[in-house]
């Protein structure tokens, strides 16, 4: 009787593994066909180590592909990687901007907005005001540079500094007049000079 129980347990385990492998293969197929939700799901599986070996670099790759398709959940998860320093250098200012962008652009569904809102509030409560002011002084090309470099390229070269065509985040069209009126802080160097 005991041997039969062991054999049944092994068979059930093998069925579960085969089912997970088939599910993973299905997501990989959908992702290769351009399905952003499948890309995000694969990223999340590698991020959490669900059914695969945990690998933040692979998770990052899948999230970046999904972001190119406009997936808000992938963007939120990428913010978590930067916030917590998982597979990339910890950068809470970049994470703050990612969560802020999801909120301000209305990316994703209601659940995405709730998750991003919680993540944003958590950082607002933790970050020193000077870090928030610096982050709001960045330009989007600078944020993209950091994301594409996996947090390694922090150089603020002339191609990412504020200009007429590259507004600082604090100067973009997101803000209500009342919010913009409260942005009286001085942007730190080199973000304080607008090039023409």
N, C-alpha and C. Protein backbone atom coordinates (compact mmCIF):
# COMPACT_ATOMS: atom_id res chain seq x y z
N UNK A 1 0.81 -1.19 0.00
CA UNK A 1 0.00 0.00 0.00
C UNK A 1 0.86 1.26 0.00
N UNK A 2 1.89 1.24 0.80
CA UNK A 2 2.77 2.41 0.89
C UNK A 2 3.49 2.66 -0.44
N UNK A 3 3.92 1.62 -1.11
CA UNK A 3 4.60 1.76 -2.40
C UNK A 3 3.65 2.37 -3.42
N UNK A 4 2.38 1.95 -3.40
CA UNK A 4 1.39 2.50 -4.31
C UNK A 4 1.21 4.00 -4.07
N UNK A 5 1.19 4.40 -2.81
CA UNK A 5 1.07 5.83 -2.48
C UNK A 5 2.25 6.61 -3.02
N UNK A 6 3.46 6.06 -2.89
CA UNK A 6 4.67 6.74 -3.38
C UNK A 6 4.62 6.85 -4.89
N UNK A 7 4.23 5.78 -5.58
CA UNK A 7 4.13 5.79 -7.04
C UNK A 7 3.11 6.82 -7.49
N UNK A 8 1.96 6.89 -6.85
CA UNK A 8 0.94 7.88 -7.19
C UNK A 8 1.44 9.31 -6.96
N UNK A 9 2.14 9.52 -5.87
CA UNK A 9 2.68 10.85 -5.57
C UNK A 9 3.69 11.27 -6.63
N UNK A 10 4.55 10.34 -7.05
CA UNK A 10 5.54 10.65 -8.10
C UNK A 10 4.83 10.95 -9.40
N UNK A 11 3.80 10.18 -9.74
CA UNK A 11 3.06 10.41 -10.98
C UNK A 11 2.39 11.78 -10.97
N UNK A 12 1.79 12.14 -9.83
CA UNK A 12 1.14 13.45 -9.73
C UNK A 12 2.16 14.57 -9.86
N UNK A 13 3.32 14.37 -9.25
CA UNK A 13 4.37 15.37 -9.34
C UNK A 13 4.83 15.55 -10.78
N UNK A 14 5.02 14.43 -11.49
CA UNK A 14 5.44 14.48 -12.89
C UNK A 14 4.40 15.18 -13.76
N UNK A 15 3.10 14.92 -13.47
CA UNK A 15 2.03 15.59 -14.21
C UNK A 15 2.07 17.10 -13.97
N UNK A 16 2.31 17.52 -12.74
CA UNK A 16 2.37 18.94 -12.41
C UNK A 16 3.55 19.61 -13.11
N UNK A 17 4.70 18.93 -13.14
CA UNK A 17 5.88 19.48 -13.82
C UNK A 17 5.60 19.60 -15.31
N UNK A 18 5.00 18.57 -15.91
CA UNK A 18 4.69 18.60 -17.33
C UNK A 18 3.70 19.72 -17.65
N UNK A 19 2.73 19.93 -16.75
CA UNK A 19 1.75 20.99 -16.95
C UNK A 19 2.44 22.37 -16.88
N UNK A 20 3.36 22.55 -15.92
CA UNK A 20 4.09 23.82 -15.81
C UNK A 20 4.95 24.05 -17.05
N UNK A 21 5.61 22.98 -17.53
CA UNK A 21 6.42 23.11 -18.75
C UNK A 21 5.58 23.50 -19.95
N UNK A 22 4.39 22.89 -20.07
CA UNK A 22 3.49 23.21 -21.18
C UNK A 22 3.00 24.66 -21.07
N UNK A 23 2.70 25.09 -19.85
CA UNK A 23 2.24 26.47 -19.64
C UNK A 23 3.34 27.46 -19.99
N UNK A 24 4.56 27.16 -19.56
CA UNK A 24 5.70 28.02 -19.88
C UNK A 24 5.91 28.09 -21.39
N UNK A 25 5.83 26.95 -22.05
CA UNK A 25 6.00 26.90 -23.51
C UNK A 25 4.91 27.72 -24.20
N UNK A 26 3.69 27.68 -23.66
CA UNK A 26 2.60 28.46 -24.25
C UNK A 26 2.87 29.96 -24.11
N UNK A 27 3.33 30.39 -22.93
CA UNK A 27 3.65 31.81 -22.75
C UNK A 27 4.81 32.22 -23.65
N UNK A 28 5.81 31.36 -23.78
CA UNK A 28 6.95 31.68 -24.65
C UNK A 28 6.50 31.83 -26.11
N UNK A 29 5.60 30.96 -26.54
CA UNK A 29 5.08 31.05 -27.92
C UNK A 29 4.32 32.36 -28.11
N UNK A 30 3.42 32.66 -27.17
CA UNK A 30 2.65 33.90 -27.28
C UNK A 30 3.57 35.12 -27.25
N UNK A 31 4.57 35.10 -26.37
CA UNK A 31 5.51 36.22 -26.28
C UNK A 31 6.28 36.38 -27.59
N UNK A 32 6.70 35.28 -28.18
CA UNK A 32 7.46 35.37 -29.44
C UNK A 32 6.60 35.91 -30.57
N UNK A 33 5.28 35.81 -30.40
CA UNK A 33 4.33 36.35 -31.39
C UNK A 33 3.97 37.80 -31.08
N UNK A 34 4.56 38.37 -30.01
CA UNK A 34 4.35 39.77 -29.70
C UNK A 34 3.32 40.07 -28.63
N UNK A 35 2.84 39.07 -27.91
CA UNK A 35 1.84 39.27 -26.87
C UNK A 35 2.48 39.88 -25.62
N UNK A 36 2.15 41.12 -25.33
CA UNK A 36 2.77 41.84 -24.21
C UNK A 36 2.43 41.21 -22.87
N UNK A 37 1.20 40.73 -22.69
CA UNK A 37 0.82 40.11 -21.42
C UNK A 37 1.65 38.85 -21.16
N UNK A 38 1.90 38.07 -22.23
CA UNK A 38 2.73 36.87 -22.09
C UNK A 38 4.16 37.25 -21.74
N UNK A 39 4.65 38.34 -22.34
CA UNK A 39 6.01 38.82 -22.03
C UNK A 39 6.10 39.20 -20.55
N UNK A 40 5.09 39.91 -20.08
CA UNK A 40 5.07 40.32 -18.68
C UNK A 40 4.99 39.12 -17.75
N UNK A 41 4.16 38.15 -18.12
CA UNK A 41 4.04 36.94 -17.30
C UNK A 41 5.37 36.19 -17.24
N UNK A 42 6.06 36.09 -18.37
CA UNK A 42 7.37 35.43 -18.36
C UNK A 42 8.35 36.20 -17.49
N UNK A 43 8.33 37.54 -17.61
CA UNK A 43 9.19 38.36 -16.76
C UNK A 43 8.91 38.11 -15.29
N UNK A 44 7.64 38.06 -14.95
CA UNK A 44 7.26 37.84 -13.56
C UNK A 44 7.70 36.46 -13.07
N UNK A 45 7.59 35.44 -13.91
CA UNK A 45 8.02 34.10 -13.52
C UNK A 45 9.52 34.07 -13.23
N UNK A 46 10.31 34.71 -14.09
CA UNK A 46 11.76 34.76 -13.84
C UNK A 46 12.08 35.66 -12.65
N UNK A 47 11.33 36.72 -12.48
CA UNK A 47 11.50 37.64 -11.35
C UNK A 47 11.30 36.88 -10.04
N UNK A 48 10.23 36.10 -9.96
CA UNK A 48 9.87 35.40 -8.73
C UNK A 48 10.44 33.99 -8.64
N UNK A 49 10.95 33.46 -9.77
CA UNK A 49 11.43 32.07 -9.76
C UNK A 49 10.29 31.07 -9.71
N UNK A 50 9.19 31.39 -10.39
CA UNK A 50 8.02 30.49 -10.42
C UNK A 50 8.09 29.58 -11.63
N UNK A 51 8.41 28.30 -11.40
CA UNK A 51 8.48 27.33 -12.48
C UNK A 51 9.75 27.41 -13.30
N UNK A 52 10.60 28.37 -12.98
CA UNK A 52 11.90 28.54 -13.65
C UNK A 52 12.91 28.97 -12.60
N UNK A 53 14.18 28.89 -12.96
CA UNK A 53 15.22 29.38 -12.06
C UNK A 53 15.12 30.91 -12.02
N UNK A 54 15.11 31.48 -10.81
CA UNK A 54 15.02 32.93 -10.67
C UNK A 54 16.19 33.59 -11.38
N UNK A 55 15.88 34.55 -12.24
CA UNK A 55 16.90 35.23 -13.04
C UNK A 55 16.41 36.64 -13.33
N UNK A 56 16.92 37.60 -12.58
CA UNK A 56 16.46 38.99 -12.74
C UNK A 56 16.83 39.57 -14.10
N UNK A 57 17.95 39.14 -14.67
CA UNK A 57 18.35 39.64 -15.99
C UNK A 57 17.35 39.21 -17.06
N UNK A 58 16.93 37.97 -17.01
CA UNK A 58 15.93 37.49 -17.98
C UNK A 58 14.59 38.18 -17.73
N UNK A 59 14.23 38.35 -16.46
CA UNK A 59 13.00 39.08 -16.13
C UNK A 59 13.06 40.49 -16.72
N UNK A 60 14.19 41.16 -16.56
CA UNK A 60 14.37 42.53 -17.07
C UNK A 60 14.16 42.55 -18.58
N UNK A 61 14.76 41.57 -19.28
CA UNK A 61 14.61 41.50 -20.74
C UNK A 61 13.15 41.40 -21.14
N UNK A 62 12.41 40.50 -20.47
CA UNK A 62 10.99 40.33 -20.82
C UNK A 62 10.20 41.59 -20.49
N UNK A 63 10.49 42.22 -19.36
CA UNK A 63 9.77 43.45 -19.01
C UNK A 63 10.04 44.55 -20.05
N UNK A 64 11.28 44.68 -20.47
CA UNK A 64 11.60 45.72 -21.46
C UNK A 64 10.86 45.47 -22.77
N UNK A 65 10.77 44.22 -23.19
CA UNK A 65 10.03 43.90 -24.42
C UNK A 65 8.56 44.25 -24.26
N UNK A 66 7.98 43.96 -23.10
CA UNK A 66 6.57 44.26 -22.86
C UNK A 66 6.33 45.76 -22.76
N UNK A 67 7.29 46.49 -22.22
CA UNK A 67 7.17 47.94 -22.11
C UNK A 67 7.11 48.57 -23.50
N UNK A 68 7.89 48.03 -24.41
CA UNK A 68 7.85 48.54 -25.79
C UNK A 68 6.46 48.40 -26.39
N UNK A 69 5.67 47.48 -25.85
CA UNK A 69 4.29 47.28 -26.31
C UNK A 69 3.31 48.08 -25.44
N UNK A 70 3.83 48.85 -24.47
CA UNK A 70 2.99 49.71 -23.64
C UNK A 70 2.38 49.03 -22.42
N UNK A 71 2.95 47.93 -21.97
CA UNK A 71 2.38 47.20 -20.83
C UNK A 71 2.74 47.87 -19.50
N UNK A 72 1.74 48.36 -18.80
CA UNK A 72 1.94 49.06 -17.53
C UNK A 72 2.42 48.15 -16.41
N UNK A 73 1.97 46.89 -16.40
CA UNK A 73 2.42 45.96 -15.35
C UNK A 73 3.92 45.68 -15.48
N UNK A 74 4.39 45.52 -16.71
CA UNK A 74 5.82 45.29 -16.92
C UNK A 74 6.61 46.51 -16.44
N UNK A 75 6.11 47.70 -16.72
CA UNK A 75 6.78 48.93 -16.30
C UNK A 75 6.83 49.00 -14.77
N UNK A 76 5.72 48.66 -14.12
CA UNK A 76 5.68 48.65 -12.67
C UNK A 76 6.71 47.66 -12.11
N UNK A 77 6.76 46.47 -12.70
CA UNK A 77 7.69 45.45 -12.22
C UNK A 77 9.14 45.87 -12.44
N UNK A 78 9.39 46.58 -13.53
CA UNK A 78 10.73 47.10 -13.77
C UNK A 78 11.08 48.13 -12.69
N UNK A 79 10.11 48.92 -12.29
CA UNK A 79 10.32 49.87 -11.20
C UNK A 79 10.69 49.16 -9.90
N UNK A 80 10.06 48.02 -9.64
CA UNK A 80 10.37 47.24 -8.44
C UNK A 80 11.82 46.76 -8.49
N UNK A 81 12.27 46.29 -9.66
CA UNK A 81 13.66 45.84 -9.78
C UNK A 81 14.62 46.98 -9.46
N UNK A 82 14.35 48.17 -9.98
CA UNK A 82 15.22 49.33 -9.71
C UNK A 82 15.10 49.79 -8.26
N UNK A 83 13.89 49.78 -7.74
CA UNK A 83 13.68 50.20 -6.34
C UNK A 83 14.45 49.32 -5.36
N UNK A 84 14.41 48.01 -5.61
CA UNK A 84 14.99 47.06 -4.67
C UNK A 84 16.41 46.62 -5.03
N UNK A 85 16.91 47.07 -6.20
CA UNK A 85 18.25 46.65 -6.61
C UNK A 85 18.32 45.18 -6.95
N UNK A 86 17.32 44.67 -7.63
CA UNK A 86 17.29 43.26 -8.02
C UNK A 86 17.79 43.10 -9.45
N UNK A 87 19.03 42.66 -9.59
CA UNK A 87 19.62 42.47 -10.91
C UNK A 87 20.14 43.75 -11.55
N UNK A 88 19.90 44.86 -10.90
CA UNK A 88 20.37 46.18 -11.36
C UNK A 88 20.80 46.96 -10.14
N UNK A 89 21.63 48.00 -10.33
CA UNK A 89 21.96 48.84 -9.17
C UNK A 89 20.69 49.48 -8.61
N UNK A 90 20.59 49.52 -7.31
CA UNK A 90 19.43 50.13 -6.66
C UNK A 90 19.36 51.60 -7.03
N UNK A 91 18.20 52.04 -7.53
CA UNK A 91 18.02 53.43 -7.92
C UNK A 91 16.57 53.82 -7.64
N UNK A 92 16.34 54.32 -6.46
CA UNK A 92 14.99 54.67 -6.06
C UNK A 92 14.44 55.89 -6.79
N UNK A 93 15.32 56.76 -7.26
CA UNK A 93 14.84 57.92 -8.02
C UNK A 93 14.23 57.48 -9.35
N UNK A 94 14.88 56.54 -10.02
CA UNK A 94 14.34 56.03 -11.28
C UNK A 94 13.05 55.25 -11.00
N UNK A 95 13.04 54.45 -9.95
CA UNK A 95 11.82 53.71 -9.59
C UNK A 95 10.68 54.69 -9.33
N UNK A 96 10.96 55.77 -8.61
CA UNK A 96 9.95 56.79 -8.32
C UNK A 96 9.35 57.33 -9.63
N UNK A 97 10.21 57.63 -10.60
CA UNK A 97 9.73 58.18 -11.87
C UNK A 97 8.92 57.15 -12.66
N UNK A 98 9.30 55.89 -12.57
CA UNK A 98 8.54 54.84 -13.26
C UNK A 98 7.13 54.77 -12.66
N UNK A 99 7.05 54.69 -11.33
CA UNK A 99 5.73 54.60 -10.68
C UNK A 99 4.91 55.87 -10.93
N UNK A 100 5.57 57.01 -10.95
CA UNK A 100 4.88 58.28 -11.23
C UNK A 100 4.34 58.28 -12.65
N UNK A 101 5.13 57.81 -13.60
CA UNK A 101 4.69 57.78 -15.00
C UNK A 101 3.48 56.88 -15.18
N UNK A 102 3.49 55.73 -14.54
CA UNK A 102 2.34 54.82 -14.63
C UNK A 102 1.09 55.52 -14.13
N UNK A 103 1.23 56.20 -13.01
CA UNK A 103 0.11 56.93 -12.42
C UNK A 103 -0.35 58.07 -13.33
N UNK A 104 0.58 58.91 -13.74
CA UNK A 104 0.23 60.11 -14.50
C UNK A 104 -0.26 59.80 -15.91
N UNK A 105 0.24 58.72 -16.50
CA UNK A 105 -0.16 58.35 -17.86
C UNK A 105 -1.36 57.40 -17.87
N UNK A 106 -1.79 56.96 -16.68
CA UNK A 106 -2.93 56.05 -16.60
C UNK A 106 -2.65 54.71 -17.26
N UNK A 107 -1.42 54.23 -17.12
CA UNK A 107 -1.04 52.97 -17.77
C UNK A 107 -1.67 51.78 -17.05
N UNK A 108 -2.05 50.78 -17.83
CA UNK A 108 -2.57 49.55 -17.26
C UNK A 108 -4.01 49.68 -16.81
N UNK A 109 -4.47 48.63 -16.14
CA UNK A 109 -5.83 48.61 -15.64
C UNK A 109 -5.87 49.15 -14.20
N UNK A 110 -7.02 49.04 -13.57
CA UNK A 110 -7.18 49.56 -12.21
C UNK A 110 -6.20 48.90 -11.24
N UNK A 111 -5.99 47.60 -11.38
CA UNK A 111 -5.07 46.90 -10.48
C UNK A 111 -3.64 47.39 -10.66
N UNK A 112 -3.26 47.65 -11.91
CA UNK A 112 -1.93 48.20 -12.18
C UNK A 112 -1.79 49.55 -11.50
N UNK A 113 -2.80 50.38 -11.62
CA UNK A 113 -2.78 51.70 -11.01
C UNK A 113 -2.66 51.61 -9.49
N UNK A 114 -3.36 50.66 -8.90
CA UNK A 114 -3.30 50.49 -7.44
C UNK A 114 -1.90 50.07 -7.01
N UNK A 115 -1.33 49.07 -7.71
CA UNK A 115 0.03 48.61 -7.37
C UNK A 115 1.04 49.74 -7.54
N UNK A 116 0.97 50.43 -8.67
CA UNK A 116 1.91 51.52 -8.91
C UNK A 116 1.72 52.64 -7.90
N UNK A 117 0.46 52.92 -7.53
CA UNK A 117 0.18 53.94 -6.53
C UNK A 117 0.77 53.59 -5.18
N UNK A 118 0.66 52.33 -4.78
CA UNK A 118 1.27 51.90 -3.51
C UNK A 118 2.79 52.02 -3.57
N UNK A 119 3.36 51.59 -4.69
CA UNK A 119 4.81 51.69 -4.84
C UNK A 119 5.27 53.14 -4.82
N UNK A 120 4.51 54.00 -5.48
CA UNK A 120 4.84 55.43 -5.50
C UNK A 120 4.76 56.01 -4.09
N UNK A 121 3.68 55.73 -3.38
CA UNK A 121 3.51 56.26 -2.03
C UNK A 121 4.63 55.79 -1.11
N UNK A 122 5.01 54.52 -1.25
CA UNK A 122 6.10 53.97 -0.44
C UNK A 122 7.39 54.76 -0.66
N UNK A 123 7.67 55.08 -1.92
CA UNK A 123 8.90 55.85 -2.19
C UNK A 123 8.78 57.30 -1.75
N UNK A 124 7.62 57.90 -1.93
CA UNK A 124 7.42 59.28 -1.48
C UNK A 124 7.67 59.37 0.02
N UNK A 125 7.23 58.36 0.75
CA UNK A 125 7.42 58.34 2.20
C UNK A 125 8.88 58.12 2.60
N UNK A 126 9.67 57.47 1.74
CA UNK A 126 11.05 57.12 2.08
C UNK A 126 12.09 58.08 1.53
N UNK A 127 11.86 58.58 0.33
CA UNK A 127 12.88 59.39 -0.33
C UNK A 127 13.03 60.77 0.30
N UNK A 128 14.27 61.20 0.49
CA UNK A 128 14.47 62.59 0.91
C UNK A 128 13.96 63.54 -0.18
N UNK A 129 13.47 64.69 0.22
CA UNK A 129 12.95 65.67 -0.75
C UNK A 129 13.99 66.00 -1.83
N UNK A 130 15.26 66.06 -1.46
CA UNK A 130 16.31 66.38 -2.43
C UNK A 130 16.35 65.34 -3.55
N UNK A 131 16.11 64.06 -3.21
CA UNK A 131 16.11 63.01 -4.23
C UNK A 131 14.88 63.13 -5.14
N UNK A 132 13.74 63.48 -4.57
CA UNK A 132 12.54 63.69 -5.37
C UNK A 132 12.75 64.86 -6.32
N UNK A 133 13.32 65.95 -5.81
CA UNK A 133 13.57 67.14 -6.63
C UNK A 133 14.54 66.81 -7.76
N UNK A 134 15.57 66.05 -7.44
CA UNK A 134 16.52 65.67 -8.50
C UNK A 134 15.83 64.82 -9.55
N UNK A 135 15.06 63.82 -9.12
CA UNK A 135 14.37 62.94 -10.07
C UNK A 135 13.43 63.74 -10.97
N UNK A 136 12.68 64.67 -10.39
CA UNK A 136 11.76 65.49 -11.18
C UNK A 136 12.50 66.43 -12.14
N UNK A 137 13.79 66.59 -11.93
CA UNK A 137 14.60 67.45 -12.79
C UNK A 137 15.19 66.70 -13.97
N UNK A 138 15.12 65.36 -13.95
CA UNK A 138 15.63 64.56 -15.07
C UNK A 138 14.75 64.76 -16.30
N UNK A 139 15.26 64.33 -17.44
CA UNK A 139 14.49 64.29 -18.68
C UNK A 139 14.15 62.83 -18.98
N UNK A 140 13.13 62.62 -19.80
CA UNK A 140 12.79 61.24 -20.16
C UNK A 140 13.90 60.55 -20.95
N UNK A 141 14.61 61.25 -21.84
CA UNK A 141 15.73 60.56 -22.50
C UNK A 141 16.78 60.04 -21.51
N UNK A 142 16.97 60.76 -20.41
CA UNK A 142 17.91 60.29 -19.39
C UNK A 142 17.37 59.03 -18.71
N UNK A 143 16.09 59.01 -18.40
CA UNK A 143 15.49 57.83 -17.77
C UNK A 143 15.60 56.63 -18.71
N UNK A 144 15.30 56.84 -19.99
CA UNK A 144 15.40 55.76 -20.97
C UNK A 144 16.84 55.25 -21.07
N UNK A 145 17.80 56.16 -21.05
CA UNK A 145 19.21 55.77 -21.08
C UNK A 145 19.54 54.84 -19.92
N UNK A 146 19.06 55.18 -18.74
CA UNK A 146 19.31 54.35 -17.56
C UNK A 146 18.63 52.99 -17.70
N UNK A 147 17.39 52.99 -18.16
CA UNK A 147 16.67 51.72 -18.31
C UNK A 147 17.36 50.82 -19.33
N UNK A 148 17.74 51.38 -20.47
CA UNK A 148 18.39 50.57 -21.51
C UNK A 148 19.75 50.04 -21.06
N UNK A 149 20.42 50.78 -20.18
CA UNK A 149 21.74 50.35 -19.70
C UNK A 149 21.65 49.49 -18.45
N UNK A 150 20.43 49.16 -18.05
CA UNK A 150 20.20 48.37 -16.82
C UNK A 150 20.76 49.07 -15.59
N UNK A 151 20.61 50.38 -15.58
CA UNK A 151 21.01 51.16 -14.42
C UNK A 151 22.49 51.49 -14.35
N UNK A 152 23.24 51.17 -15.39
CA UNK A 152 24.69 51.37 -15.35
C UNK A 152 25.13 52.75 -15.87
N UNK A 153 24.45 53.27 -16.89
CA UNK A 153 24.88 54.52 -17.52
C UNK A 153 24.14 55.70 -16.89
N UNK A 154 24.79 56.32 -15.92
CA UNK A 154 24.21 57.47 -15.22
C UNK A 154 24.78 58.80 -15.72
N UNK A 155 25.58 58.74 -16.76
CA UNK A 155 26.22 59.96 -17.28
C UNK A 155 25.16 60.88 -17.89
N UNK A 156 25.17 62.11 -17.46
CA UNK A 156 24.22 63.11 -17.97
C UNK A 156 24.91 63.90 -19.07
N UNK A 157 24.98 63.30 -20.24
CA UNK A 157 25.61 63.96 -21.39
C UNK A 157 24.68 64.96 -22.04
N UNK A 158 25.20 65.71 -23.01
CA UNK A 158 24.41 66.77 -23.64
C UNK A 158 23.16 66.25 -24.36
N UNK A 159 23.14 64.98 -24.73
CA UNK A 159 21.98 64.44 -25.43
C UNK A 159 20.81 64.08 -24.52
N UNK A 160 21.00 64.20 -23.20
CA UNK A 160 19.90 63.90 -22.27
C UNK A 160 19.59 65.06 -21.32
N UNK A 161 20.42 66.09 -21.34
CA UNK A 161 20.18 67.24 -20.47
C UNK A 161 19.00 68.07 -20.98
N UNK A 162 18.39 68.86 -20.11
CA UNK A 162 17.22 69.64 -20.51
C UNK A 162 17.52 70.58 -21.67
N UNK A 163 16.57 70.68 -22.56
CA UNK A 163 16.64 71.62 -23.69
C UNK A 163 15.21 71.96 -24.08
N UNK A 164 15.09 72.76 -25.09
CA UNK A 164 13.76 73.14 -25.58
C UNK A 164 12.97 71.89 -25.98
N UNK A 165 13.65 70.93 -26.57
CA UNK A 165 12.98 69.71 -27.03
C UNK A 165 13.01 68.57 -26.01
N UNK A 166 13.74 68.77 -24.91
CA UNK A 166 13.85 67.75 -23.85
C UNK A 166 13.53 68.39 -22.50
N UNK A 167 12.25 68.57 -22.21
CA UNK A 167 11.91 69.22 -20.93
C UNK A 167 12.22 68.31 -19.75
N UNK A 168 12.50 68.96 -18.64
CA UNK A 168 12.62 68.19 -17.40
C UNK A 168 11.24 67.62 -17.08
N UNK A 169 11.20 66.57 -16.32
CA UNK A 169 9.93 65.95 -15.96
C UNK A 169 9.05 66.94 -15.22
N UNK A 170 9.64 67.79 -14.42
CA UNK A 170 8.85 68.80 -13.70
C UNK A 170 8.24 69.83 -14.65
N UNK A 171 8.75 69.90 -15.89
CA UNK A 171 8.26 70.88 -16.86
C UNK A 171 7.34 70.27 -17.92
N UNK A 172 7.07 68.97 -17.85
CA UNK A 172 6.23 68.39 -18.90
C UNK A 172 4.76 68.70 -18.64
N UNK A 173 3.88 68.23 -19.49
CA UNK A 173 2.47 68.60 -19.45
C UNK A 173 1.60 67.86 -18.46
N UNK A 174 2.17 67.09 -17.56
CA UNK A 174 1.38 66.32 -16.60
C UNK A 174 0.67 67.16 -15.56
N UNK A 175 1.29 68.23 -15.16
CA UNK A 175 0.94 68.89 -13.90
C UNK A 175 -0.20 69.87 -14.03
N UNK A 176 -1.03 69.90 -13.00
CA UNK A 176 -2.03 70.96 -12.88
C UNK A 176 -1.31 72.26 -12.53
N UNK A 177 -1.93 73.37 -12.80
CA UNK A 177 -1.31 74.65 -12.48
C UNK A 177 -0.97 74.74 -10.99
N UNK A 178 -1.86 74.21 -10.14
CA UNK A 178 -1.60 74.27 -8.70
C UNK A 178 -0.40 73.40 -8.32
N UNK A 179 -0.20 72.28 -9.00
CA UNK A 179 0.96 71.44 -8.73
C UNK A 179 2.25 72.11 -9.23
N UNK A 180 2.16 72.66 -10.42
CA UNK A 180 3.32 73.33 -11.00
C UNK A 180 3.75 74.53 -10.14
N UNK A 181 2.78 75.23 -9.57
CA UNK A 181 3.08 76.40 -8.73
C UNK A 181 3.87 76.01 -7.48
N UNK A 182 3.72 74.75 -7.03
CA UNK A 182 4.43 74.28 -5.84
C UNK A 182 5.85 73.82 -6.16
N UNK A 183 6.20 73.73 -7.43
CA UNK A 183 7.53 73.26 -7.81
C UNK A 183 8.50 74.44 -7.85
N UNK A 184 8.72 75.00 -6.68
CA UNK A 184 9.58 76.18 -6.58
C UNK A 184 11.04 75.82 -6.28
N UNK A 185 11.33 74.53 -6.16
CA UNK A 185 12.69 74.11 -5.83
C UNK A 185 13.64 74.36 -7.00
N UNK A 186 14.89 74.52 -6.67
CA UNK A 186 15.95 74.69 -7.67
C UNK A 186 16.44 73.31 -8.09
N UNK A 187 16.42 73.04 -9.38
CA UNK A 187 16.94 71.76 -9.87
C UNK A 187 18.44 71.72 -9.66
N UNK A 188 18.97 70.56 -9.23
CA UNK A 188 20.41 70.47 -9.01
C UNK A 188 21.17 70.45 -10.34
N UNK A 189 22.43 70.80 -10.28
CA UNK A 189 23.29 70.75 -11.46
C UNK A 189 23.50 69.29 -11.86
N UNK A 190 23.53 68.97 -13.11
CA UNK A 190 23.48 69.79 -14.33
C UNK A 190 22.07 69.99 -14.86
N UNK A 191 21.06 69.64 -14.07
CA UNK A 191 19.68 69.69 -14.53
C UNK A 191 19.07 71.08 -14.40
N UNK A 192 19.82 72.02 -13.84
CA UNK A 192 19.27 73.36 -13.60
C UNK A 192 19.42 74.30 -14.79
N UNK A 193 20.17 73.89 -15.78
CA UNK A 193 20.37 74.75 -16.94
C UNK A 193 19.64 74.17 -18.14
N UNK A 194 18.79 75.00 -18.74
CA UNK A 194 18.11 74.57 -19.95
C UNK A 194 18.91 75.04 -21.16
N UNK A 195 19.27 74.09 -21.98
CA UNK A 195 20.00 74.42 -23.22
C UNK A 195 18.97 74.74 -24.30
N UNK A 196 19.35 75.58 -25.23
CA UNK A 196 18.39 75.92 -26.30
C UNK A 196 18.48 74.94 -27.44
